[in-house]
Amino acid sequence: MVRPADTTVEAWEVQLEILRRMSGPDRVAMAFDMTDAARALTEAGIRHRHPDWDEGQVKDALMELLLGPGLANAVRGSRPRPG
């Protein structure tokens, strides 16, 4: 791993030692937590830019950011129609 530019060498060494001491499942759980936080932050940004959008529109915009327009459109096209 490359040390972030805003982190001192000493702090980076401490962080790496903490990560090395974590179990595999704990590291995976931390990765999932970080992914959830990034997704929530992205959704908040979409809502901030589009306060008039409903949850479906926010989820569609997130899906397009994550998957790209082509795959997002394919996924949307495969959804069952309501009613």
PDB file of N, CA and C in Angstrom:
ATOM      1  N   MET A   1       0.840  -1.182   0.000  1.00  0.00           N
ATOM      2  CA  MET A   1       0.000   0.000   0.000  1.00  0.00           C
ATOM      3  C   MET A   1       0.886   1.246   0.000  1.00  0.00           C
ATOM      4  N   VAL A   2       0.382   2.277  -0.609  1.00  0.00           N
ATOM      5  CA  VAL A   2       1.111   3.537  -0.683  1.00  0.00           C
ATOM      6  C   VAL A   2       0.603   4.467   0.420  1.00  0.00           C
ATOM      7  N   ARG A   3       1.533   5.096   1.115  1.00  0.00           N
ATOM      8  CA  ARG A   3       1.164   6.014   2.194  1.00  0.00           C
ATOM      9  C   ARG A   3       0.466   7.239   1.603  1.00  0.00           C
ATOM     10  N   PRO A   4      -0.715   7.610   2.152  1.00  0.00           N
ATOM     11  CA  PRO A   4      -1.395   8.824   1.692  1.00  0.00           C
ATOM     12  C   PRO A   4      -0.520  10.058   1.930  1.00  0.00           C
ATOM     13  N   ALA A   5      -0.604  11.017   1.030  1.00  0.00           N
ATOM     14  CA  ALA A   5       0.239  12.212   1.101  1.00  0.00           C
ATOM     15  C   ALA A   5      -0.013  13.034   2.364  1.00  0.00           C
ATOM     16  N   ASP A   6      -1.219  12.936   2.925  1.00  0.00           N
ATOM     17  CA  ASP A   6      -1.544  13.743   4.107  1.00  0.00           C
ATOM     18  C   ASP A   6      -1.296  13.001   5.421  1.00  0.00           C
ATOM     19  N   THR A   7      -0.547  11.892   5.362  1.00  0.00           N
ATOM     20  CA  THR A   7      -0.284  11.075   6.548  1.00  0.00           C
ATOM     21  C   THR A   7       1.219  11.002   6.795  1.00  0.00           C
ATOM     22  N   THR A   8       1.617  11.253   8.031  1.00  0.00           N
ATOM     23  CA  THR A   8       3.049  11.173   8.355  1.00  0.00           C
ATOM     24  C   THR A   8       3.509   9.724   8.307  1.00  0.00           C
ATOM     25  N   VAL A   9       4.792   9.537   8.157  1.00  0.00           N
ATOM     26  CA  VAL A   9       5.366   8.194   8.136  1.00  0.00           C
ATOM     27  C   VAL A   9       5.044   7.469   9.436  1.00  0.00           C
ATOM     28  N   GLU A  10       5.174   8.169  10.555  1.00  0.00           N
ATOM     29  CA  GLU A  10       4.912   7.548  11.861  1.00  0.00           C
ATOM     30  C   GLU A  10       3.449   7.110  11.980  1.00  0.00           C
ATOM     31  N   ALA A  11       2.530   7.969  11.575  1.00  0.00           N
ATOM     32  CA  ALA A  11       1.108   7.627  11.648  1.00  0.00           C
ATOM     33  C   ALA A  11       0.790   6.461  10.722  1.00  0.00           C
ATOM     34  N   TRP A  12       1.396   6.446   9.547  1.00  0.00           N
ATOM     35  CA  TRP A  12       1.175   5.365   8.589  1.00  0.00           C
ATOM     36  C   TRP A  12       1.658   4.026   9.152  1.00  0.00           C
ATOM     37  N   GLU A  13       2.798   4.027   9.806  1.00  0.00           N
ATOM     38  CA  GLU A  13       3.320   2.796  10.404  1.00  0.00           C
ATOM     39  C   GLU A  13       2.388   2.280  11.498  1.00  0.00           C
ATOM     40  N   VAL A  14       1.845   3.174  12.305  1.00  0.00           N
ATOM     41  CA  VAL A  14       0.893   2.779  13.344  1.00  0.00           C
ATOM     42  C   VAL A  14      -0.361   2.189  12.700  1.00  0.00           C
ATOM     43  N   GLN A  15      -0.862   2.858  11.664  1.00  0.00           N
ATOM     44  CA  GLN A  15      -2.068   2.372  10.994  1.00  0.00           C
ATOM     45  C   GLN A  15      -1.830   0.984  10.388  1.00  0.00           C
ATOM     46  N   LEU A  16      -0.702   0.790   9.739  1.00  0.00           N
ATOM     47  CA  LEU A  16      -0.407  -0.518   9.155  1.00  0.00           C
ATOM     48  C   LEU A  16      -0.304  -1.607  10.225  1.00  0.00           C
ATOM     49  N   GLU A  17       0.296  -1.282  11.351  1.00  0.00           N
ATOM     50  CA  GLU A  17       0.403  -2.265  12.430  1.00  0.00           C
ATOM     51  C   GLU A  17      -0.976  -2.642  12.958  1.00  0.00           C
ATOM     52  N   ILE A  18      -1.851  -1.671  13.091  1.00  0.00           N
ATOM     53  CA  ILE A  18      -3.227  -1.962  13.535  1.00  0.00           C
ATOM     54  C   ILE A  18      -3.923  -2.873  12.531  1.00  0.00           C
ATOM     55  N   LEU A  19      -3.771  -2.573  11.250  1.00  0.00           N
ATOM     56  CA  LEU A  19      -4.392  -3.408  10.220  1.00  0.00           C
ATOM     57  C   LEU A  19      -3.820  -4.825  10.230  1.00  0.00           C
ATOM     58  N   ARG A  20      -2.539  -4.956  10.429  1.00  0.00           N
ATOM     59  CA  ARG A  20      -1.912  -6.284  10.468  1.00  0.00           C
ATOM     60  C   ARG A  20      -2.429  -7.124  11.635  1.00  0.00           C
ATOM     61  N   ARG A  21      -2.758  -6.480  12.729  1.00  0.00           N
ATOM     62  CA  ARG A  21      -3.235  -7.200  13.919  1.00  0.00           C
ATOM     63  C   ARG A  21      -4.704  -7.609  13.804  1.00  0.00           C
ATOM     64  N   MET A  22      -5.426  -7.003  12.872  1.00  0.00           N
ATOM     65  CA  MET A  22      -6.848  -7.322  12.716  1.00  0.00           C
ATOM     66  C   MET A  22      -6.995  -8.692  12.056  1.00  0.00           C
ATOM     67  N   SER A  23      -8.042  -9.398  12.437  1.00  0.00           N
ATOM     68  CA  SER A  23      -8.330 -10.679  11.790  1.00  0.00           C
ATOM     69  C   SER A  23      -8.871 -10.412  10.380  1.00  0.00           C
ATOM     70  N   GLY A  24      -8.846 -11.443   9.563  1.00  0.00           N
ATOM     71  CA  GLY A  24      -9.401 -11.325   8.210  1.00  0.00           C
ATOM     72  C   GLY A  24     -10.856 -10.886   8.226  1.00  0.00           C
ATOM     73  N   PRO A  25     -11.701 -11.550   9.024  1.00  0.00           N
ATOM     74  CA  PRO A  25     -13.101 -11.132   9.075  1.00  0.00           C
ATOM     75  C   PRO A  25     -13.279  -9.674   9.540  1.00  0.00           C
ATOM     76  N   ASP A  26     -12.431  -9.232  10.461  1.00  0.00           N
ATOM     77  CA  ASP A  26     -12.528  -7.836  10.910  1.00  0.00           C
ATOM     78  C   ASP A  26     -12.146  -6.864   9.794  1.00  0.00           C
ATOM     79  N   ARG A  27     -11.139  -7.226   9.006  1.00  0.00           N
ATOM     80  CA  ARG A  27     -10.744  -6.361   7.873  1.00  0.00           C
ATOM     81  C   ARG A  27     -11.847  -6.317   6.825  1.00  0.00           C
ATOM     82  N   VAL A  28     -12.472  -7.473   6.575  1.00  0.00           N
ATOM     83  CA  VAL A  28     -13.584  -7.510   5.614  1.00  0.00           C
ATOM     84  C   VAL A  28     -14.746  -6.665   6.131  1.00  0.00           C
ATOM     85  N   ALA A  29     -15.070  -6.782   7.420  1.00  0.00           N
ATOM     86  CA  ALA A  29     -16.154  -5.987   8.001  1.00  0.00           C
ATOM     87  C   ALA A  29     -15.849  -4.492   7.874  1.00  0.00           C
ATOM     88  N   MET A  30     -14.588  -4.115   8.101  1.00  0.00           N
ATOM     89  CA  MET A  30     -14.208  -2.712   7.969  1.00  0.00           C
ATOM     90  C   MET A  30     -14.370  -2.250   6.515  1.00  0.00           C
ATOM     91  N   ALA A  31     -14.007  -3.098   5.564  1.00  0.00           N
ATOM     92  CA  ALA A  31     -14.161  -2.748   4.149  1.00  0.00           C
ATOM     93  C   ALA A  31     -15.637  -2.558   3.805  1.00  0.00           C
ATOM     94  N   PHE A  32     -16.497  -3.433   4.320  1.00  0.00           N
ATOM     95  CA  PHE A  32     -17.937  -3.282   4.078  1.00  0.00           C
ATOM     96  C   PHE A  32     -18.460  -1.988   4.702  1.00  0.00           C
ATOM     97  N   ASP A  33     -18.017  -1.678   5.907  1.00  0.00           N
ATOM     98  CA  ASP A  33     -18.435  -0.433   6.559  1.00  0.00           C
ATOM     99  C   ASP A  33     -17.999   0.782   5.750  1.00  0.00           C
ATOM    100  N   MET A  34     -16.775   0.743   5.227  1.00  0.00           N
ATOM    101  CA  MET A  34     -16.287   1.862   4.419  1.00  0.00           C
ATOM    102  C   MET A  34     -17.088   1.993   3.119  1.00  0.00           C
ATOM    103  N   THR A  35     -17.443   0.854   2.519  1.00  0.00           N
ATOM    104  CA  THR A  35     -18.257   0.873   1.301  1.00  0.00           C
ATOM    105  C   THR A  35     -19.635   1.457   1.590  1.00  0.00           C
ATOM    106  N   ASP A  36     -20.244   1.040   2.701  1.00  0.00           N
ATOM    107  CA  ASP A  36     -21.556   1.578   3.082  1.00  0.00           C
ATOM    108  C   ASP A  36     -21.483   3.088   3.311  1.00  0.00           C
ATOM    109  N   ALA A  37     -20.412   3.543   3.951  1.00  0.00           N
ATOM    110  CA  ALA A  37     -20.251   4.975   4.209  1.00  0.00           C
ATOM    111  C   ALA A  37     -20.081   5.751   2.911  1.00  0.00           C
ATOM    112  N   ALA A  38     -19.296   5.207   1.984  1.00  0.00           N
ATOM    113  CA  ALA A  38     -19.094   5.880   0.692  1.00  0.00           C
ATOM    114  C   ALA A  38     -20.399   5.945  -0.092  1.00  0.00           C
ATOM    115  N   ARG A  39     -21.166   4.858  -0.052  1.00  0.00           N
ATOM    116  CA  ARG A  39     -22.458   4.838  -0.760  1.00  0.00           C
ATOM    117  C   ARG A  39     -23.419   5.859  -0.145  1.00  0.00           C
ATOM    118  N   ALA A  40     -23.476   5.915   1.178  1.00  0.00           N
ATOM    119  CA  ALA A  40     -24.359   6.880   1.844  1.00  0.00           C
ATOM    120  C   ALA A  40     -23.942   8.321   1.521  1.00  0.00           C
ATOM    121  N   LEU A  41     -22.655   8.567   1.490  1.00  0.00           N
ATOM    122  CA  LEU A  41     -22.161   9.904   1.158  1.00  0.00           C
ATOM    123  C   LEU A  41     -22.505  10.267  -0.281  1.00  0.00           C
ATOM    124  N   THR A  42     -22.365   9.311  -1.191  1.00  0.00           N
ATOM    125  CA  THR A  42     -22.713   9.550  -2.591  1.00  0.00           C
ATOM    126  C   THR A  42     -24.199   9.832  -2.733  1.00  0.00           C
ATOM    127  N   GLU A  43     -25.039   9.045  -2.056  1.00  0.00           N
ATOM    128  CA  GLU A  43     -26.486   9.293  -2.098  1.00  0.00           C
ATOM    129  C   GLU A  43     -26.818  10.666  -1.533  1.00  0.00           C
ATOM    130  N   ALA A  44     -26.161  11.062  -0.461  1.00  0.00           N
ATOM    131  CA  ALA A  44     -26.401  12.386   0.119  1.00  0.00           C
ATOM    132  C   ALA A  44     -26.037  13.481  -0.878  1.00  0.00           C
ATOM    133  N   GLY A  45     -24.943  13.289  -1.619  1.00  0.00           N
ATOM    134  CA  GLY A  45     -24.557  14.263  -2.638  1.00  0.00           C
ATOM    135  C   GLY A  45     -25.589  14.357  -3.748  1.00  0.00           C
ATOM    136  N   ILE A  46     -26.129  13.206  -4.168  1.00  0.00           N
ATOM    137  CA  ILE A  46     -27.170  13.203  -5.201  1.00  0.00           C
ATOM    138  C   ILE A  46     -28.404  13.941  -4.686  1.00  0.00           C
ATOM    139  N   ARG A  47     -28.816  13.646  -3.451  1.00  0.00           N
ATOM    140  CA  ARG A  47     -29.988  14.323  -2.871  1.00  0.00           C
ATOM    141  C   ARG A  47     -29.751  15.836  -2.756  1.00  0.00           C
ATOM    142  N   HIS A  48     -28.541  16.219  -2.404  1.00  0.00           N
ATOM    143  CA  HIS A  48     -28.212  17.640  -2.275  1.00  0.00           C
ATOM    144  C   HIS A  48     -28.333  18.347  -3.626  1.00  0.00           C
ATOM    145  N   ARG A  49     -27.855  17.691  -4.685  1.00  0.00           N
ATOM    146  CA  ARG A  49     -27.921  18.293  -6.017  1.00  0.00           C
ATOM    147  C   ARG A  49     -29.314  18.235  -6.616  1.00  0.00           C
ATOM    148  N   HIS A  50     -30.136  17.289  -6.154  1.00  0.00           N
ATOM    149  CA  HIS A  50     -31.478  17.093  -6.715  1.00  0.00           C
ATOM    150  C   HIS A  50     -32.500  16.929  -5.583  1.00  0.00           C
ATOM    151  N   PRO A  51     -32.778  17.988  -4.827  1.00  0.00           N
ATOM    152  CA  PRO A  51     -33.671  17.857  -3.668  1.00  0.00           C
ATOM    153  C   PRO A  51     -35.102  17.456  -4.032  1.00  0.00           C
ATOM    154  N   ASP A  52     -35.480  17.616  -5.281  1.00  0.00           N
ATOM    155  CA  ASP A  52     -36.835  17.282  -5.707  1.00  0.00           C
ATOM    156  C   ASP A  52     -36.979  15.818  -6.145  1.00  0.00           C
ATOM    157  N   TRP A  53     -35.889  15.066  -6.193  1.00  0.00           N
ATOM    158  CA  TRP A  53     -35.955  13.676  -6.635  1.00  0.00           C
ATOM    159  C   TRP A  53     -36.472  12.771  -5.530  1.00  0.00           C
ATOM    160  N   ASP A  54     -37.250  11.745  -5.937  1.00  0.00           N
ATOM    161  CA  ASP A  54     -37.706  10.743  -4.969  1.00  0.00           C
ATOM    162  C   ASP A  54     -36.618   9.672  -4.795  1.00  0.00           C
ATOM    163  N   GLU A  55     -36.867   8.730  -3.883  1.00  0.00           N
ATOM    164  CA  GLU A  55     -35.861   7.705  -3.576  1.00  0.00           C
ATOM    165  C   GLU A  55     -35.502   6.867  -4.803  1.00  0.00           C
ATOM    166  N   GLY A  56     -36.483   6.568  -5.625  1.00  0.00           N
ATOM    167  CA  GLY A  56     -36.206   5.784  -6.829  1.00  0.00           C
ATOM    168  C   GLY A  56     -35.244   6.493  -7.764  1.00  0.00           C
ATOM    169  N   GLN A  57     -35.430   7.784  -7.925  1.00  0.00           N
ATOM    170  CA  GLN A  57     -34.532   8.550  -8.790  1.00  0.00           C
ATOM    171  C   GLN A  57     -33.124   8.613  -8.199  1.00  0.00           C
ATOM    172  N   VAL A  58     -33.043   8.752  -6.884  1.00  0.00           N
ATOM    173  CA  VAL A  58     -31.731   8.776  -6.225  1.00  0.00           C
ATOM    174  C   VAL A  58     -31.036   7.430  -6.416  1.00  0.00           C
ATOM    175  N   LYS A  59     -31.747   6.330  -6.210  1.00  0.00           N
ATOM    176  CA  LYS A  59     -31.161   4.989  -6.376  1.00  0.00           C
ATOM    177  C   LYS A  59     -30.738   4.758  -7.825  1.00  0.00           C
ATOM    178  N   ASP A  60     -31.555   5.228  -8.779  1.00  0.00           N
ATOM    179  CA  ASP A  60     -31.185   5.085 -10.190  1.00  0.00           C
ATOM    180  C   ASP A  60     -29.913   5.873 -10.506  1.00  0.00           C
ATOM    181  N   ALA A  61     -29.799   7.088  -9.972  1.00  0.00           N
ATOM    182  CA  ALA A  61     -28.598   7.899 -10.211  1.00  0.00           C
ATOM    183  C   ALA A  61     -27.377   7.230  -9.588  1.00  0.00           C
ATOM    184  N   LEU A  62     -27.527   6.665  -8.402  1.00  0.00           N
ATOM    185  CA  LEU A  62     -26.425   5.951  -7.757  1.00  0.00           C
ATOM    186  C   LEU A  62     -26.013   4.741  -8.593  1.00  0.00           C
ATOM    187  N   MET A  63     -26.996   3.990  -9.066  1.00  0.00           N
ATOM    188  CA  MET A  63     -26.710   2.820  -9.882  1.00  0.00           C
ATOM    189  C   MET A  63     -25.948   3.229 -11.152  1.00  0.00           C
ATOM    190  N   GLU A  64     -26.334   4.343 -11.744  1.00  0.00           N
ATOM    191  CA  GLU A  64     -25.648   4.800 -12.953  1.00  0.00           C
ATOM    192  C   GLU A  64     -24.202   5.195 -12.651  1.00  0.00           C
ATOM    193  N   LEU A  65     -23.988   5.827 -11.501  1.00  0.00           N
ATOM    194  CA  LEU A  65     -22.618   6.174 -11.112  1.00  0.00           C
ATOM    195  C   LEU A  65     -21.770   4.925 -10.873  1.00  0.00           C
ATOM    196  N   LEU A  66     -22.360   3.915 -10.236  1.00  0.00           N
ATOM    197  CA  LEU A  66     -21.610   2.708  -9.897  1.00  0.00           C
ATOM    198  C   LEU A  66     -21.387   1.779 -11.084  1.00  0.00           C
ATOM    199  N   LEU A  67     -22.393   1.665 -11.950  1.00  0.00           N
ATOM    200  CA  LEU A  67     -22.348   0.673 -13.023  1.00  0.00           C
ATOM    201  C   LEU A  67     -22.043   1.255 -14.393  1.00  0.00           C
ATOM    202  N   GLY A  68     -22.235   2.560 -14.533  1.00  0.00           N
ATOM    203  CA  GLY A  68     -22.138   3.179 -15.853  1.00  0.00           C
ATOM    204  C   GLY A  68     -23.504   3.166 -16.509  1.00  0.00           C
ATOM    205  N   PRO A  69     -23.718   4.065 -17.457  1.00  0.00           N
ATOM    206  CA  PRO A  69     -25.054   4.193 -18.062  1.00  0.00           C
ATOM    207  C   PRO A  69     -25.546   2.928 -18.766  1.00  0.00           C
ATOM    208  N   GLY A  70     -24.682   2.252 -19.508  1.00  0.00           N
ATOM    209  CA  GLY A  70     -25.134   1.080 -20.276  1.00  0.00           C
ATOM    210  C   GLY A  70     -25.651  -0.031 -19.390  1.00  0.00           C
ATOM    211  N   LEU A  71     -24.871  -0.421 -18.397  1.00  0.00           N
ATOM    212  CA  LEU A  71     -25.287  -1.502 -17.508  1.00  0.00           C
ATOM    213  C   LEU A  71     -26.458  -1.067 -16.632  1.00  0.00           C
ATOM    214  N   ALA A  72     -26.463   0.191 -16.182  1.00  0.00           N
ATOM    215  CA  ALA A  72     -27.584   0.680 -15.373  1.00  0.00           C
ATOM    216  C   ALA A  72     -28.883   0.610 -16.178  1.00  0.00           C
ATOM    217  N   ASN A  73     -28.829   0.982 -17.449  1.00  0.00           N
ATOM    218  CA  ASN A  73     -30.027   0.892 -18.292  1.00  0.00           C
ATOM    219  C   ASN A  73     -30.465  -0.552 -18.481  1.00  0.00           C
ATOM    220  N   ALA A  74     -29.516  -1.462 -18.627  1.00  0.00           N
ATOM    221  CA  ALA A  74     -29.851  -2.880 -18.763  1.00  0.00           C
ATOM    222  C   ALA A  74     -30.522  -3.393 -17.496  1.00  0.00           C
ATOM    223  N   VAL A  75     -30.012  -2.993 -16.334  1.00  0.00           N
ATOM    224  CA  VAL A  75     -30.609  -3.411 -15.060  1.00  0.00           C
ATOM    225  C   VAL A  75     -32.007  -2.829 -14.926  1.00  0.00           C
ATOM    226  N   ARG A  76     -32.153  -1.536 -15.235  1.00  0.00           N
ATOM    227  CA  ARG A  76     -33.487  -0.918 -15.160  1.00  0.00           C
ATOM    228  C   ARG A  76     -34.473  -1.615 -16.101  1.00  0.00           C
ATOM    229  N   GLY A  77     -33.998  -1.995 -17.267  1.00  0.00           N
ATOM    230  CA  GLY A  77     -34.874  -2.658 -18.235  1.00  0.00           C
ATOM    231  C   GLY A  77     -35.294  -4.052 -17.805  1.00  0.00           C
ATOM    232  N   SER A  78     -34.536  -4.678 -16.906  1.00  0.00           N
ATOM    233  CA  SER A  78     -34.850  -6.038 -16.456  1.00  0.00           C
ATOM    234  C   SER A  78     -35.735  -6.068 -15.220  1.00  0.00           C
ATOM    235  N   ARG A  79     -36.030  -4.900 -14.645  1.00  0.00           N
ATOM    236  CA  ARG A  79     -36.876  -4.860 -13.439  1.00  0.00           C
ATOM    237  C   ARG A  79     -38.316  -5.217 -13.789  1.00  0.00           C
ATOM    238  N   PRO A  80     -38.976  -5.926 -12.867  1.00  0.00           N
ATOM    239  CA  PRO A  80     -40.413  -6.188 -13.087  1.00  0.00           C
ATOM    240  C   PRO A  80     -41.185  -4.864 -13.021  1.00  0.00           C
ATOM    241  N   ARG A  81     -42.180  -4.754 -13.846  1.00  0.00           N
ATOM    242  CA  ARG A  81     -43.024  -3.559 -13.844  1.00  0.00           C
ATOM    243  C   ARG A  81     -44.012  -3.613 -12.684  1.00  0.00           C
ATOM    244  N   PRO A  82     -44.205  -2.471 -11.990  1.00  0.00           N
ATOM    245  CA  PRO A  82     -45.181  -2.474 -10.885  1.00  0.00           C
ATOM    246  C   PRO A  82     -46.601  -2.675 -11.406  1.00  0.00           C
ATOM    247  N   GLY A  83     -47.425  -3.277 -10.548  1.00  0.00           N
ATOM    248  CA  GLY A  83     -48.843  -3.404 -10.859  1.00  0.00           C
ATOM    249  C   GLY A  83     -49.134  -4.619 -11.605  1.00  0.00           C
TER     250      GLY A  83
END
